[in-house]
Amino acid sequence: MMNSEEWEDVATDPDWESDLGYEMEELTVVKSSTDSQLIFLPEHESQLGEEEFIVIHSDSLRDLRR
């Protein structure tokens, strides 16, 4: 986790991998029976942890692939 000084040094439009330490990963998207909720699952069950959840309204979804 970054401290406040490290966070302030990150570019306004940071590179997700080199600046923030994220790795791109394929996710499986599962729609609920009402299509009002989506569940994002990692490729391997071992990658699923208690803190790895996304909660978002479907109107807020954006395709960020480059």
Protein backbone atom coordinates (compact mmCIF):
# COMPACT_ATOMS: atom_id res chain seq x y z
CA MET A 1 0.00 0.00 0.00
CA MET A 2 1.26 3.49 -0.82
CA ASN A 3 1.87 6.11 1.82
CA SER A 4 0.70 9.71 1.26
CA GLU A 5 4.08 10.89 -0.09
CA GLU A 6 4.24 8.07 -2.63
CA TRP A 7 0.64 8.76 -3.69
CA GLU A 8 1.42 12.45 -4.28
CA ASP A 9 4.34 11.48 -6.55
CA VAL A 10 2.13 9.40 -8.86
CA ALA A 11 1.33 11.04 -12.21
CA THR A 12 -2.14 12.54 -12.72
CA ASP A 13 -2.81 9.84 -15.31
CA PRO A 14 -0.71 6.97 -13.87
CA ASP A 15 0.22 3.82 -15.71
CA TRP A 16 -1.78 1.10 -13.99
CA GLU A 17 1.10 -1.38 -13.97
CA SER A 18 4.37 0.52 -13.52
CA ASP A 19 3.00 3.36 -11.35
CA LEU A 20 0.34 1.54 -9.33
CA GLY A 21 1.54 -2.06 -9.36
CA TYR A 22 -1.63 -3.52 -10.89
CA GLU A 23 -1.54 -6.50 -13.23
CA MET A 24 -4.09 -6.94 -16.03
CA GLU A 25 -6.11 -10.08 -15.49
CA GLU A 26 -8.91 -11.71 -17.44
CA LEU A 27 -12.15 -11.79 -15.46
CA THR A 28 -15.30 -13.78 -16.02
CA VAL A 29 -18.43 -11.62 -15.83
CA VAL A 30 -21.56 -13.34 -14.52
CA LYS A 31 -24.92 -11.52 -14.80
CA SER A 32 -27.59 -12.01 -12.16
CA SER A 33 -30.94 -13.43 -13.20
CA THR A 34 -32.35 -9.89 -13.31
CA ASP A 35 -29.28 -8.46 -15.16
CA SER A 36 -29.17 -5.67 -12.59
CA GLN A 37 -26.00 -6.98 -10.94
CA LEU A 38 -22.71 -8.32 -12.26
CA ILE A 39 -20.20 -10.61 -10.57
CA PHE A 40 -16.54 -10.46 -11.65
CA LEU A 41 -14.59 -13.67 -11.02
CA PRO A 42 -10.85 -14.27 -11.52
CA GLU A 43 -9.59 -17.09 -13.73
CA HIS A 44 -8.37 -19.18 -10.78
CA GLU A 45 -10.26 -19.66 -7.51
CA SER A 46 -6.99 -19.22 -5.60
CA GLN A 47 -6.98 -15.57 -6.76
CA LEU A 48 -10.29 -14.89 -5.04
CA GLY A 49 -9.91 -13.32 -1.61
CA GLU A 50 -12.06 -11.49 0.89
CA GLU A 51 -10.88 -8.06 -0.27
CA GLU A 52 -11.12 -8.66 -4.02
CA PHE A 53 -14.63 -7.56 -4.84
CA ILE A 54 -16.03 -4.84 -7.10
CA VAL A 55 -19.36 -3.26 -6.20
CA ILE A 56 -20.58 -0.86 -8.86
CA HIS A 57 -23.79 0.29 -10.51
CA SER A 58 -24.04 -1.02 -14.09
CA ASP A 59 -24.34 2.55 -15.45
CA SER A 60 -20.81 3.19 -14.16
CA LEU A 61 -19.17 0.40 -16.17
CA ARG A 62 -16.63 1.52 -18.78
CA ASP A 63 -14.51 -0.52 -21.21
CA LEU A 64 -10.92 0.41 -20.35
CA ARG A 65 -9.16 -1.94 -22.74
CA ARG A 66 -6.49 -0.17 -24.75
